[in-house]
Amino acid sequence: MSASRKQARPRRSSTADFEAEIVQRCRTGDRSIGQVARDVDLTETAVREWVRQAERDERDDGGAGGGLSFDERQELARLRRENRQLREDVGIPERATDFFAGETR
């Protein structure tokens, strides 16, 4: 790796409460998003996305045209997991049918 290239940060997870606290710090207006991000050792990109997501979540229109709200993202993730599981459940009998059909020929 070259000396001019930054090393990738490890991916970290955060709680909704922590993100809300960071968003509130950004909204007080006395520090920029970049300064808040540096204060807590986060990327400015992550903090900006948290602020944008909080704005979408607070809109009366449920985030229409601006992306999904937090609750909508949670539901979408749950539905995708459920869909993946159902596809796997359907695939097992199909594969078994194909296997046994092949043995009888």
PDB file of N, CA and C in Angstrom:
ATOM      1  N   MET A   1       0.848  -1.175   0.000  1.00  0.00           N
ATOM      2  CA  MET A   1       0.000   0.000   0.000  1.00  0.00           C
ATOM      3  C   MET A   1       0.888   1.232   0.000  1.00  0.00           C
ATOM      4  N   SER A   2       0.523   2.220  -0.789  1.00  0.00           N
ATOM      5  CA  SER A   2       1.344   3.418  -0.903  1.00  0.00           C
ATOM      6  C   SER A   2       1.159   4.308   0.319  1.00  0.00           C
ATOM      7  N   ALA A   3       2.134   5.132   0.568  1.00  0.00           N
ATOM      8  CA  ALA A   3       2.112   6.016   1.728  1.00  0.00           C
ATOM      9  C   ALA A   3       1.053   7.100   1.595  1.00  0.00           C
ATOM     10  N   SER A   4       0.683   7.440   0.356  1.00  0.00           N
ATOM     11  CA  SER A   4      -0.295   8.511   0.157  1.00  0.00           C
ATOM     12  C   SER A   4      -1.733   8.027   0.332  1.00  0.00           C
ATOM     13  N   ARG A   5      -1.928   6.731   0.392  1.00  0.00           N
ATOM     14  CA  ARG A   5      -3.274   6.167   0.504  1.00  0.00           C
ATOM     15  C   ARG A   5      -3.625   5.910   1.961  1.00  0.00           C
ATOM     16  N   LYS A   6      -4.812   6.363   2.368  1.00  0.00           N
ATOM     17  CA  LYS A   6      -5.243   6.148   3.746  1.00  0.00           C
ATOM     18  C   LYS A   6      -5.657   4.709   3.943  1.00  0.00           C
ATOM     19  N   GLN A   7      -5.409   4.211   5.137  1.00  0.00           N
ATOM     20  CA  GLN A   7      -5.839   2.868   5.471  1.00  0.00           C
ATOM     21  C   GLN A   7      -7.339   2.901   5.777  1.00  0.00           C
ATOM     22  N   ALA A   8      -8.066   1.904   5.303  1.00  0.00           N
ATOM     23  CA  ALA A   8      -9.517   1.847   5.502  1.00  0.00           C
ATOM     24  C   ALA A   8      -9.827   1.685   6.982  1.00  0.00           C
ATOM     25  N   ARG A   9     -10.859   2.404   7.415  1.00  0.00           N
ATOM     26  CA  ARG A   9     -11.296   2.266   8.798  1.00  0.00           C
ATOM     27  C   ARG A   9     -12.078   0.970   8.945  1.00  0.00           C
ATOM     28  N   PRO A  10     -11.969   0.343  10.103  1.00  0.00           N
ATOM     29  CA  PRO A  10     -12.813  -0.835  10.309  1.00  0.00           C
ATOM     30  C   PRO A  10     -14.271  -0.391  10.433  1.00  0.00           C
ATOM     31  N   ARG A  11     -15.175  -1.204   9.930  1.00  0.00           N
ATOM     32  CA  ARG A  11     -16.599  -0.873   9.988  1.00  0.00           C
ATOM     33  C   ARG A  11     -17.081  -1.053  11.420  1.00  0.00           C
ATOM     34  N   ARG A  12     -17.758  -0.031  11.923  1.00  0.00           N
ATOM     35  CA  ARG A  12     -18.270  -0.076  13.280  1.00  0.00           C
ATOM     36  C   ARG A  12     -19.784   0.063  13.247  1.00  0.00           C
ATOM     37  N   SER A  13     -20.428  -0.471  14.261  1.00  0.00           N
ATOM     38  CA  SER A  13     -21.869  -0.305  14.366  1.00  0.00           C
ATOM     39  C   SER A  13     -22.150   0.684  15.492  1.00  0.00           C
ATOM     40  N   SER A  14     -23.323   1.286  15.446  1.00  0.00           N
ATOM     41  CA  SER A  14     -23.694   2.247  16.477  1.00  0.00           C
ATOM     42  C   SER A  14     -25.158   2.065  16.813  1.00  0.00           C
ATOM     43  N   THR A  15     -25.525   2.551  17.971  1.00  0.00           N
ATOM     44  CA  THR A  15     -26.920   2.452  18.388  1.00  0.00           C
ATOM     45  C   THR A  15     -27.689   3.654  17.867  1.00  0.00           C
ATOM     46  N   ALA A  16     -28.991   3.504  17.809  1.00  0.00           N
ATOM     47  CA  ALA A  16     -29.850   4.609  17.372  1.00  0.00           C
ATOM     48  C   ALA A  16     -29.711   5.799  18.323  1.00  0.00           C
ATOM     49  N   ASP A  17     -29.553   5.530  19.607  1.00  0.00           N
ATOM     50  CA  ASP A  17     -29.395   6.615  20.587  1.00  0.00           C
ATOM     51  C   ASP A  17     -28.114   7.403  20.337  1.00  0.00           C
ATOM     52  N   PHE A  18     -27.028   6.691  20.040  1.00  0.00           N
ATOM     53  CA  PHE A  18     -25.760   7.358  19.764  1.00  0.00           C
ATOM     54  C   PHE A  18     -25.876   8.228  18.516  1.00  0.00           C
ATOM     55  N   GLU A  19     -26.484   7.671  17.456  1.00  0.00           N
ATOM     56  CA  GLU A  19     -26.652   8.433  16.216  1.00  0.00           C
ATOM     57  C   GLU A  19     -27.505   9.667  16.461  1.00  0.00           C
ATOM     58  N   ALA A  20     -28.581   9.527  17.249  1.00  0.00           N
ATOM     59  CA  ALA A  20     -29.446  10.666  17.552  1.00  0.00           C
ATOM     60  C   ALA A  20     -28.684  11.745  18.321  1.00  0.00           C
ATOM     61  N   GLU A  21     -27.809  11.330  19.217  1.00  0.00           N
ATOM     62  CA  GLU A  21     -26.999  12.293  19.973  1.00  0.00           C
ATOM     63  C   GLU A  21     -26.059  13.054  19.044  1.00  0.00           C
ATOM     64  N   ILE A  22     -25.445  12.356  18.113  1.00  0.00           N
ATOM     65  CA  ILE A  22     -24.526  12.995  17.163  1.00  0.00           C
ATOM     66  C   ILE A  22     -25.298  13.967  16.277  1.00  0.00           C
ATOM     67  N   VAL A  23     -26.482  13.550  15.800  1.00  0.00           N
ATOM     68  CA  VAL A  23     -27.316  14.430  14.968  1.00  0.00           C
ATOM     69  C   VAL A  23     -27.673  15.689  15.749  1.00  0.00           C
ATOM     70  N   GLN A  24     -28.022  15.532  17.014  1.00  0.00           N
ATOM     71  CA  GLN A  24     -28.377  16.692  17.843  1.00  0.00           C
ATOM     72  C   GLN A  24     -27.182  17.646  17.986  1.00  0.00           C
ATOM     73  N   ARG A  25     -25.992  17.083  18.159  1.00  0.00           N
ATOM     74  CA  ARG A  25     -24.784  17.929  18.250  1.00  0.00           C
ATOM     75  C   ARG A  25     -24.606  18.741  16.970  1.00  0.00           C
ATOM     76  N   CYS A  26     -24.885  18.109  15.820  1.00  0.00           N
ATOM     77  CA  CYS A  26     -24.732  18.799  14.535  1.00  0.00           C
ATOM     78  C   CYS A  26     -25.758  19.922  14.399  1.00  0.00           C
ATOM     79  N   ARG A  27     -26.919  19.724  14.963  1.00  0.00           N
ATOM     80  CA  ARG A  27     -28.004  20.694  14.816  1.00  0.00           C
ATOM     81  C   ARG A  27     -27.894  21.888  15.751  1.00  0.00           C
ATOM     82  N   THR A  28     -27.068  21.814  16.756  1.00  0.00           N
ATOM     83  CA  THR A  28     -26.953  22.952  17.674  1.00  0.00           C
ATOM     84  C   THR A  28     -26.358  24.164  16.982  1.00  0.00           C
ATOM     85  N   GLY A  29     -25.603  23.923  15.920  1.00  0.00           N
ATOM     86  CA  GLY A  29     -25.104  25.017  15.101  1.00  0.00           C
ATOM     87  C   GLY A  29     -23.777  25.591  15.520  1.00  0.00           C
ATOM     88  N   ASP A  30     -23.254  25.203  16.678  1.00  0.00           N
ATOM     89  CA  ASP A  30     -21.985  25.791  17.106  1.00  0.00           C
ATOM     90  C   ASP A  30     -20.773  25.059  16.514  1.00  0.00           C
ATOM     91  N   ARG A  31     -20.992  23.862  15.947  1.00  0.00           N
ATOM     92  CA  ARG A  31     -19.898  23.119  15.317  1.00  0.00           C
ATOM     93  C   ARG A  31     -20.403  22.547  13.998  1.00  0.00           C
ATOM     94  N   SER A  32     -19.515  22.478  13.025  1.00  0.00           N
ATOM     95  CA  SER A  32     -19.895  21.921  11.724  1.00  0.00           C
ATOM     96  C   SER A  32     -19.989  20.398  11.828  1.00  0.00           C
ATOM     97  N   ILE A  33     -20.599  19.804  10.820  1.00  0.00           N
ATOM     98  CA  ILE A  33     -20.696  18.343  10.787  1.00  0.00           C
ATOM     99  C   ILE A  33     -19.306  17.725  10.786  1.00  0.00           C
ATOM    100  N   GLY A  34     -18.398  18.312  10.030  1.00  0.00           N
ATOM    101  CA  GLY A  34     -17.023  17.814   9.988  1.00  0.00           C
ATOM    102  C   GLY A  34     -16.344  17.872  11.346  1.00  0.00           C
ATOM    103  N   GLN A  35     -16.570  18.965  12.079  1.00  0.00           N
ATOM    104  CA  GLN A  35     -15.970  19.096  13.411  1.00  0.00           C
ATOM    105  C   GLN A  35     -16.553  18.072  14.382  1.00  0.00           C
ATOM    106  N   VAL A  36     -17.877  17.889  14.329  1.00  0.00           N
ATOM    107  CA  VAL A  36     -18.514  16.895  15.198  1.00  0.00           C
ATOM    108  C   VAL A  36     -17.970  15.508  14.870  1.00  0.00           C
ATOM    109  N   ALA A  37     -17.849  15.191  13.593  1.00  0.00           N
ATOM    110  CA  ALA A  37     -17.331  13.886  13.173  1.00  0.00           C
ATOM    111  C   ALA A  37     -15.920  13.667  13.715  1.00  0.00           C
ATOM    112  N   ARG A  38     -15.076  14.670  13.608  1.00  0.00           N
ATOM    113  CA  ARG A  38     -13.708  14.544  14.128  1.00  0.00           C
ATOM    114  C   ARG A  38     -13.704  14.398  15.644  1.00  0.00           C
ATOM    115  N   ASP A  39     -14.597  15.115  16.320  1.00  0.00           N
ATOM    116  CA  ASP A  39     -14.659  15.051  17.788  1.00  0.00           C
ATOM    117  C   ASP A  39     -14.914  13.628  18.286  1.00  0.00           C
ATOM    118  N   VAL A  40     -15.713  12.878  17.546  1.00  0.00           N
ATOM    119  CA  VAL A  40     -16.087  11.530  17.991  1.00  0.00           C
ATOM    120  C   VAL A  40     -15.439  10.436  17.139  1.00  0.00           C
ATOM    121  N   ASP A  41     -14.450  10.811  16.325  1.00  0.00           N
ATOM    122  CA  ASP A  41     -13.692   9.880  15.495  1.00  0.00           C
ATOM    123  C   ASP A  41     -14.593   9.076  14.558  1.00  0.00           C
ATOM    124  N   LEU A  42     -15.438   9.792  13.815  1.00  0.00           N
ATOM    125  CA  LEU A  42     -16.297   9.200  12.799  1.00  0.00           C
ATOM    126  C   LEU A  42     -15.982   9.844  11.459  1.00  0.00           C
ATOM    127  N   THR A  43     -16.423   9.200  10.392  1.00  0.00           N
ATOM    128  CA  THR A  43     -16.247   9.821   9.092  1.00  0.00           C
ATOM    129  C   THR A  43     -17.324  10.883   8.897  1.00  0.00           C
ATOM    130  N   GLU A  44     -16.963  11.933   8.223  1.00  0.00           N
ATOM    131  CA  GLU A  44     -17.922  13.005   7.941  1.00  0.00           C
ATOM    132  C   GLU A  44     -19.073  12.470   7.095  1.00  0.00           C
ATOM    133  N   THR A  45     -18.771  11.543   6.203  1.00  0.00           N
ATOM    134  CA  THR A  45     -19.803  10.948   5.350  1.00  0.00           C
ATOM    135  C   THR A  45     -20.867  10.247   6.184  1.00  0.00           C
ATOM    136  N   ALA A  46     -20.448   9.482   7.171  1.00  0.00           N
ATOM    137  CA  ALA A  46     -21.399   8.763   8.024  1.00  0.00           C
ATOM    138  C   ALA A  46     -22.290   9.741   8.788  1.00  0.00           C
ATOM    139  N   VAL A  47     -21.685  10.766   9.348  1.00  0.00           N
ATOM    140  CA  VAL A  47     -22.453  11.737  10.136  1.00  0.00           C
ATOM    141  C   VAL A  47     -23.426  12.486   9.238  1.00  0.00           C
ATOM    142  N   ARG A  48     -22.989  12.869   8.042  1.00  0.00           N
ATOM    143  CA  ARG A  48     -23.894  13.556   7.112  1.00  0.00           C
ATOM    144  C   ARG A  48     -25.095  12.667   6.763  1.00  0.00           C
ATOM    145  N   GLU A  49     -24.846  11.384   6.560  1.00  0.00           N
ATOM    146  CA  GLU A  49     -25.938  10.463   6.239  1.00  0.00           C
ATOM    147  C   GLU A  49     -26.903  10.332   7.416  1.00  0.00           C
ATOM    148  N   TRP A  50     -26.391  10.313   8.641  1.00  0.00           N
ATOM    149  CA  TRP A  50     -27.259  10.254   9.822  1.00  0.00           C
ATOM    150  C   TRP A  50     -28.142  11.492   9.893  1.00  0.00           C
ATOM    151  N   VAL A  51     -27.564  12.655   9.600  1.00  0.00           N
ATOM    152  CA  VAL A  51     -28.332  13.903   9.632  1.00  0.00           C
ATOM    153  C   VAL A  51     -29.409  13.872   8.547  1.00  0.00           C
ATOM    154  N   ARG A  52     -29.046  13.449   7.339  1.00  0.00           N
ATOM    155  CA  ARG A  52     -30.037  13.350   6.245  1.00  0.00           C
ATOM    156  C   ARG A  52     -31.144  12.370   6.599  1.00  0.00           C
ATOM    157  N   GLN A  53     -30.768  11.218   7.187  1.00  0.00           N
ATOM    158  CA  GLN A  53     -31.774  10.217   7.549  1.00  0.00           C
ATOM    159  C   GLN A  53     -32.711  10.760   8.627  1.00  0.00           C
ATOM    160  N   ALA A  54     -32.177  11.502   9.575  1.00  0.00           N
ATOM    161  CA  ALA A  54     -33.016  12.088  10.618  1.00  0.00           C
ATOM    162  C   ALA A  54     -34.004  13.072  10.012  1.00  0.00           C
ATOM    163  N   GLU A  55     -33.563  13.835   9.022  1.00  0.00           N
ATOM    164  CA  GLU A  55     -34.460  14.772   8.340  1.00  0.00           C
ATOM    165  C   GLU A  55     -35.563  14.026   7.604  1.00  0.00           C
ATOM    166  N   ARG A  56     -35.225  12.922   6.943  1.00  0.00           N
ATOM    167  CA  ARG A  56     -36.243  12.118   6.243  1.00  0.00           C
ATOM    168  C   ARG A  56     -37.234  11.533   7.244  1.00  0.00           C
ATOM    169  N   ASP A  57     -36.723  11.050   8.372  1.00  0.00           N
ATOM    170  CA  ASP A  57     -37.588  10.442   9.384  1.00  0.00           C
ATOM    171  C   ASP A  57     -38.561  11.443   9.979  1.00  0.00           C
ATOM    172  N   GLU A  58     -38.174  12.709  10.030  1.00  0.00           N
ATOM    173  CA  GLU A  58     -39.003  13.740  10.662  1.00  0.00           C
ATOM    174  C   GLU A  58     -40.023  14.362   9.725  1.00  0.00           C
ATOM    175  N   ARG A  59     -39.852  14.142   8.428  1.00  0.00           N
ATOM    176  CA  ARG A  59     -40.788  14.725   7.468  1.00  0.00           C
ATOM    177  C   ARG A  59     -42.174  14.143   7.629  1.00  0.00           C
ATOM    178  N   ASP A  60     -43.172  14.985   7.445  1.00  0.00           N
ATOM    179  CA  ASP A  60     -44.562  14.536   7.554  1.00  0.00           C
ATOM    180  C   ASP A  60     -44.952  13.588   6.439  1.00  0.00           C
ATOM    181  N   ASP A  61     -44.292  13.684   5.296  1.00  0.00           N
ATOM    182  CA  ASP A  61     -44.685  12.871   4.146  1.00  0.00           C
ATOM    183  C   ASP A  61     -44.098  11.466   4.202  1.00  0.00           C
ATOM    184  N   GLY A  62     -43.522  11.095   5.333  1.00  0.00           N
ATOM    185  CA  GLY A  62     -42.993   9.743   5.470  1.00  0.00           C
ATOM    186  C   GLY A  62     -41.750   9.495   4.647  1.00  0.00           C
ATOM    187  N   GLY A  63     -41.100  10.545   4.205  1.00  0.00           N
ATOM    188  CA  GLY A  63     -39.872  10.386   3.444  1.00  0.00           C
ATOM    189  C   GLY A  63     -40.087  10.244   1.962  1.00  0.00           C
ATOM    190  N   ALA A  64     -41.291  10.524   1.471  1.00  0.00           N
ATOM    191  CA  ALA A  64     -41.557  10.371   0.039  1.00  0.00           C
ATOM    192  C   ALA A  64     -40.608  11.242  -0.769  1.00  0.00           C
ATOM    193  N   GLY A  65     -39.985  10.655  -1.738  1.00  0.00           N
ATOM    194  CA  GLY A  65     -39.075  11.387  -2.607  1.00  0.00           C
ATOM    195  C   GLY A  65     -37.705  11.601  -2.004  1.00  0.00           C
ATOM    196  N   GLY A  66     -37.522  11.307  -0.723  1.00  0.00           N
ATOM    197  CA  GLY A  66     -36.230  11.548  -0.097  1.00  0.00           C
ATOM    198  C   GLY A  66     -35.599  10.298   0.459  1.00  0.00           C
ATOM    199  N   GLY A  67     -36.135   9.139   0.142  1.00  0.00           N
ATOM    200  CA  GLY A  67     -35.591   7.901   0.672  1.00  0.00           C
ATOM    201  C   GLY A  67     -36.484   7.335   1.749  1.00  0.00           C
ATOM    202  N   LEU A  68     -36.071   6.213   2.294  1.00  0.00           N
ATOM    203  CA  LEU A  68     -36.867   5.518   3.291  1.00  0.00           C
ATOM    204  C   LEU A  68     -36.584   6.039   4.689  1.00  0.00           C
ATOM    205  N   SER A  69     -37.618   6.034   5.528  1.00  0.00           N
ATOM    206  CA  SER A  69     -37.429   6.388   6.930  1.00  0.00           C
ATOM    207  C   SER A  69     -36.723   5.224   7.624  1.00  0.00           C
ATOM    208  N   PHE A  70     -36.288   5.450   8.840  1.00  0.00           N
ATOM    209  CA  PHE A  70     -35.609   4.405   9.603  1.00  0.00           C
ATOM    210  C   PHE A  70     -36.522   3.191   9.760  1.00  0.00           C
ATOM    211  N   ASP A  71     -37.778   3.429  10.133  1.00  0.00           N
ATOM    212  CA  ASP A  71     -38.724   2.325  10.306  1.00  0.00           C
ATOM    213  C   ASP A  71     -38.947   1.577   8.996  1.00  0.00           C
ATOM    214  N   GLU A  72     -39.025   2.308   7.902  1.00  0.00           N
ATOM    215  CA  GLU A  72     -39.215   1.665   6.600  1.00  0.00           C
ATOM    216  C   GLU A  72     -37.995   0.823   6.223  1.00  0.00           C
ATOM    217  N   ARG A  73     -36.810   1.330   6.519  1.00  0.00           N
ATOM    218  CA  ARG A  73     -35.597   0.556   6.234  1.00  0.00           C
ATOM    219  C   ARG A  73     -35.560  -0.718   7.064  1.00  0.00           C
ATOM    220  N   GLN A  74     -35.972  -0.617   8.344  1.00  0.00           N
ATOM    221  CA  GLN A  74     -36.005  -1.789   9.213  1.00  0.00           C
ATOM    222  C   GLN A  74     -36.993  -2.827   8.666  1.00  0.00           C
ATOM    223  N   GLU A  75     -38.175  -2.362   8.262  1.00  0.00           N
ATOM    224  CA  GLU A  75     -39.177  -3.274   7.725  1.00  0.00           C
ATOM    225  C   GLU A  75     -38.694  -3.905   6.420  1.00  0.00           C
ATOM    226  N   LEU A  76     -38.076  -3.118   5.556  1.00  0.00           N
ATOM    227  CA  LEU A  76     -37.553  -3.641   4.302  1.00  0.00           C
ATOM    228  C   LEU A  76     -36.513  -4.727   4.555  1.00  0.00           C
ATOM    229  N   ALA A  77     -35.622  -4.504   5.498  1.00  0.00           N
ATOM    230  CA  ALA A  77     -34.601  -5.500   5.823  1.00  0.00           C
ATOM    231  C   ALA A  77     -35.258  -6.779   6.342  1.00  0.00           C
ATOM    232  N   ARG A  78     -36.280  -6.644   7.195  1.00  0.00           N
ATOM    233  CA  ARG A  78     -36.989  -7.805   7.727  1.00  0.00           C
ATOM    234  C   ARG A  78     -37.677  -8.577   6.601  1.00  0.00           C
ATOM    235  N   LEU A  79     -38.341  -7.852   5.706  1.00  0.00           N
ATOM    236  CA  LEU A  79     -39.038  -8.502   4.594  1.00  0.00           C
ATOM    237  C   LEU A  79     -38.069  -9.190   3.641  1.00  0.00           C
ATOM    238  N   ARG A  80     -36.911  -8.591   3.421  1.00  0.00           N
ATOM    239  CA  ARG A  80     -35.915  -9.221   2.558  1.00  0.00           C
ATOM    240  C   ARG A  80     -35.395 -10.520   3.173  1.00  0.00           C
ATOM    241  N   ARG A  81     -35.158 -10.494   4.501  1.00  0.00           N
ATOM    242  CA  ARG A  81     -34.726 -11.719   5.179  1.00  0.00           C
ATOM    243  C   ARG A  81     -35.802 -12.801   5.062  1.00  0.00           C
ATOM    244  N   GLU A  82     -37.042 -12.408   5.300  1.00  0.00           N
ATOM    245  CA  GLU A  82     -38.157 -13.348   5.212  1.00  0.00           C
ATOM    246  C   GLU A  82     -38.290 -13.907   3.793  1.00  0.00           C
ATOM    247  N   ASN A  83     -38.172 -13.053   2.807  1.00  0.00           N
ATOM    248  CA  ASN A  83     -38.255 -13.477   1.406  1.00  0.00           C
ATOM    249  C   ASN A  83     -37.140 -14.465   1.071  1.00  0.00           C
ATOM    250  N   ARG A  84     -35.925 -14.170   1.525  1.00  0.00           N
ATOM    251  CA  ARG A  84     -34.784 -15.055   1.270  1.00  0.00           C
ATOM    252  C   ARG A  84     -35.039 -16.431   1.902  1.00  0.00           C
ATOM    253  N   GLN A  85     -35.557 -16.426   3.133  1.00  0.00           N
ATOM    254  CA  GLN A  85     -35.837 -17.688   3.813  1.00  0.00           C
ATOM    255  C   GLN A  85     -36.920 -18.482   3.085  1.00  0.00           C
ATOM    256  N   LEU A  86     -37.967 -17.804   2.640  1.00  0.00           N
ATOM    257  CA  LEU A  86     -39.039 -18.483   1.919  1.00  0.00           C
ATOM    258  C   LEU A  86     -38.534 -19.068   0.603  1.00  0.00           C
ATOM    259  N   ARG A  87     -37.672 -18.334  -0.099  1.00  0.00           N
ATOM    260  CA  ARG A  87     -37.108 -18.862  -1.347  1.00  0.00           C
ATOM    261  C   ARG A  87     -36.275 -20.117  -1.082  1.00  0.00           C
ATOM    262  N   GLU A  88     -35.520 -20.098   0.017  1.00  0.00           N
ATOM    263  CA  GLU A  88     -34.730 -21.274   0.377  1.00  0.00           C
ATOM    264  C   GLU A  88     -35.647 -22.441   0.724  1.00  0.00           C
ATOM    265  N   ASP A  89     -36.712 -22.165   1.465  1.00  0.00           N
ATOM    266  CA  ASP A  89     -37.648 -23.220   1.854  1.00  0.00           C
ATOM    267  C   ASP A  89     -38.310 -23.853   0.631  1.00  0.00           C
ATOM    268  N   VAL A  90     -38.629 -23.050  -0.377  1.00  0.00           N
ATOM    269  CA  VAL A  90     -39.248 -23.568  -1.600  1.00  0.00           C
ATOM    270  C   VAL A  90     -38.212 -24.330  -2.421  1.00  0.00           C
ATOM    271  N   GLY A  91     -36.986 -23.893  -2.398  1.00  0.00           N
ATOM    272  CA  GLY A  91     -35.939 -24.523  -3.208  1.00  0.00           C
ATOM    273  C   GLY A  91     -35.587 -25.925  -2.756  1.00  0.00           C
ATOM    274  N   ILE A  92     -35.712 -26.226  -1.477  1.00  0.00           N
ATOM    275  CA  ILE A  92     -35.343 -27.561  -0.970  1.00  0.00           C
ATOM    276  C   ILE A  92     -36.219 -28.646  -1.594  1.00  0.00           C
ATOM    277  N   PRO A  93     -37.562 -28.528  -1.541  1.00  0.00           N
ATOM    278  CA  PRO A  93     -38.385 -29.573  -2.187  1.00  0.00           C
ATOM    279  C   PRO A  93     -38.160 -29.656  -3.701  1.00  0.00           C
ATOM    280  N   GLU A  94     -37.916 -28.517  -4.348  1.00  0.00           N
ATOM    281  CA  GLU A  94     -37.671 -28.537  -5.791  1.00  0.00           C
ATOM    282  C   GLU A  94     -36.403 -29.325  -6.112  1.00  0.00           C
ATOM    283  N   ARG A  95     -35.357 -29.104  -5.339  1.00  0.00           N
ATOM    284  CA  ARG A  95     -34.101 -29.830  -5.566  1.00  0.00           C
ATOM    285  C   ARG A  95     -34.282 -31.322  -5.275  1.00  0.00           C
ATOM    286  N   ALA A  96     -35.044 -31.634  -4.236  1.00  0.00           N
ATOM    287  CA  ALA A  96     -35.296 -33.045  -3.908  1.00  0.00           C
ATOM    288  C   ALA A  96     -36.078 -33.711  -5.032  1.00  0.00           C
ATOM    289  N   THR A  97     -37.076 -33.022  -5.567  1.00  0.00           N
ATOM    290  CA  THR A  97     -37.866 -33.561  -6.672  1.00  0.00           C
ATOM    291  C   THR A  97     -36.973 -33.824  -7.874  1.00  0.00           C
ATOM    292  N   ASP A  98     -36.119 -32.870  -8.201  1.00  0.00           N
ATOM    293  CA  ASP A  98     -35.198 -33.038  -9.331  1.00  0.00           C
ATOM    294  C   ASP A  98     -34.268 -34.229  -9.095  1.00  0.00           C
ATOM    295  N   PHE A  99     -33.779 -34.363  -7.872  1.00  0.00           N
ATOM    296  CA  PHE A  99     -32.865 -35.451  -7.542  1.00  0.00           C
ATOM    297  C   PHE A  99     -33.535 -36.797  -7.723  1.00  0.00           C
ATOM    298  N   PHE A 100     -34.732 -36.956  -7.140  1.00  0.00           N
ATOM    299  CA  PHE A 100     -35.412 -38.247  -7.210  1.00  0.00           C
ATOM    300  C   PHE A 100     -35.937 -38.540  -8.616  1.00  0.00           C
ATOM    301  N   ALA A 101     -36.310 -37.519  -9.353  1.00  0.00           N
ATOM    302  CA  ALA A 101     -36.746 -37.729 -10.730  1.00  0.00           C
ATOM    303  C   ALA A 101     -35.579 -38.240 -11.581  1.00  0.00           C
ATOM    304  N   GLY A 102     -34.397 -37.762 -11.285  1.00  0.00           N
ATOM    305  CA  GLY A 102     -33.207 -38.197 -12.020  1.00  0.00           C
ATOM    306  C   GLY A 102     -32.829 -39.629 -11.724  1.00  0.00           C
ATOM    307  N   GLU A 103     -33.109 -40.144 -10.518  1.00  0.00           N
ATOM    308  CA  GLU A 103     -32.766 -41.512 -10.135  1.00  0.00           C
ATOM    309  C   GLU A 103     -33.659 -42.536 -10.805  1.00  0.00           C
ATOM    310  N   THR A 104     -34.892 -42.145 -11.147  1.00  0.00           N
ATOM    311  CA  THR A 104     -35.825 -43.109 -11.708  1.00  0.00           C
ATOM    312  C   THR A 104     -35.658 -43.277 -13.201  1.00  0.00           C
ATOM    313  N   ARG A 105     -34.860 -42.524 -13.838  1.00  0.00           N
ATOM    314  CA  ARG A 105     -34.656 -42.607 -15.288  1.00  0.00           C
ATOM    315  C   ARG A 105     -33.656 -43.658 -15.631  1.00  0.00           C
TER     316      ARG A 105
END
